[in-house]
Amino acid sequence: MAIPANELEEMIQTALPDARVSVEDLRGDGDHYAVTVVAESFRGRTRVQQHQMVYNALKGRMGNELHAMALQTGVPED
């Protein structure tokens, strides 16, 4: 079962309220996404830690309902 883009965005936004989240459905199948998350809460964390924060927001759905996600993370530019 696929995850709708708006649900994916909501899950991330709920876990990271300060985040700007952009979700693009790459194939139109709800299973392959490009996601960009920019959040102040990422500041001072490694890229791996930032990605872990996003994956934690997905509550184990990555690899199950969500097959592929190209993830980019970062902090807001000053």
Protein backbone atom coordinates (compact mmCIF):
# COMPACT_ATOMS: atom_id res chain seq x y z
CA MET A 1 0.00 0.00 0.00
CA ALA A 2 1.36 3.41 -1.00
CA ILE A 3 1.59 6.54 1.13
CA PRO A 4 -0.05 9.68 -0.29
CA ALA A 5 2.32 12.65 -0.61
CA ASN A 6 0.25 14.78 1.78
CA GLU A 7 0.38 12.06 4.45
CA LEU A 8 4.14 11.75 4.08
CA GLU A 9 4.51 15.51 4.42
CA GLU A 10 2.21 15.56 7.46
CA MET A 11 4.18 12.81 9.23
CA ILE A 12 7.43 14.72 8.81
CA GLN A 13 5.84 18.05 9.73
CA THR A 14 4.34 16.56 12.91
CA ALA A 15 7.70 15.19 14.06
CA LEU A 16 9.65 18.30 12.99
CA PRO A 17 7.27 21.25 13.44
CA ASP A 18 9.90 23.82 12.42
CA ALA A 19 10.56 22.08 9.10
CA ARG A 20 9.82 23.19 5.58
CA VAL A 21 8.93 20.01 3.73
CA SER A 22 8.74 19.50 -0.02
CA VAL A 23 7.48 16.19 -1.41
CA GLU A 24 7.56 15.21 -5.09
CA ASP A 25 5.97 11.95 -6.28
CA LEU A 26 8.53 10.77 -8.84
CA ARG A 27 6.40 8.14 -10.59
CA GLY A 28 2.86 9.05 -9.65
CA ASP A 29 2.53 5.79 -7.76
CA GLY A 30 2.78 7.06 -4.15
CA ASP A 31 5.76 4.79 -3.65
CA HIS A 32 8.77 6.73 -5.00
CA TYR A 33 9.38 10.22 -3.67
CA ALA A 34 11.95 12.99 -3.65
CA VAL A 35 11.74 14.75 -0.28
CA THR A 36 13.52 17.90 0.88
CA VAL A 37 13.40 18.86 4.54
CA VAL A 38 14.90 22.10 5.83
CA ALA A 39 14.74 22.60 9.59
CA GLU A 40 16.47 24.68 12.23
CA SER A 41 16.36 21.60 14.47
CA PHE A 42 18.95 20.01 12.13
CA ARG A 43 21.53 22.67 12.98
CA GLY A 44 24.66 21.16 14.54
CA ARG A 45 23.70 17.63 13.52
CA THR A 46 25.43 15.50 10.93
CA ARG A 47 23.68 14.66 7.67
CA VAL A 48 23.23 11.08 8.93
CA GLN A 49 21.57 12.35 12.12
CA GLN A 50 19.30 14.63 10.07
CA HIS A 51 18.22 11.70 7.89
CA GLN A 52 17.63 9.55 10.96
CA MET A 53 15.31 12.24 12.35
CA VAL A 54 13.26 12.14 9.14
CA TYR A 55 13.20 8.32 9.03
CA ASN A 56 12.08 8.26 12.67
CA ALA A 57 9.20 10.54 11.69
CA LEU A 58 8.04 7.86 9.23
CA LYS A 59 7.54 5.38 12.09
CA GLY A 60 8.86 2.30 10.31
CA ARG A 61 6.95 2.83 7.08
CA MET A 62 10.12 3.30 5.02
CA GLY A 63 10.82 0.02 3.25
CA ASN A 64 7.26 -1.14 3.77
CA GLU A 65 4.56 1.12 2.32
CA LEU A 66 7.21 3.54 1.11
CA HIS A 67 9.59 1.82 -1.28
CA ALA A 68 12.00 4.59 -2.27
CA MET A 69 12.74 8.09 -1.05
CA ALA A 70 15.48 10.39 -2.30
CA LEU A 71 16.04 12.53 0.80
CA GLN A 72 17.80 15.89 1.04
CA THR A 73 18.07 17.68 4.37
CA GLY A 74 19.56 20.96 5.50
CA VAL A 75 19.29 23.96 7.75
CA PRO A 76 17.77 27.32 6.78
CA GLU A 77 20.20 29.76 5.24
CA ASP A 78 20.82 32.92 7.22
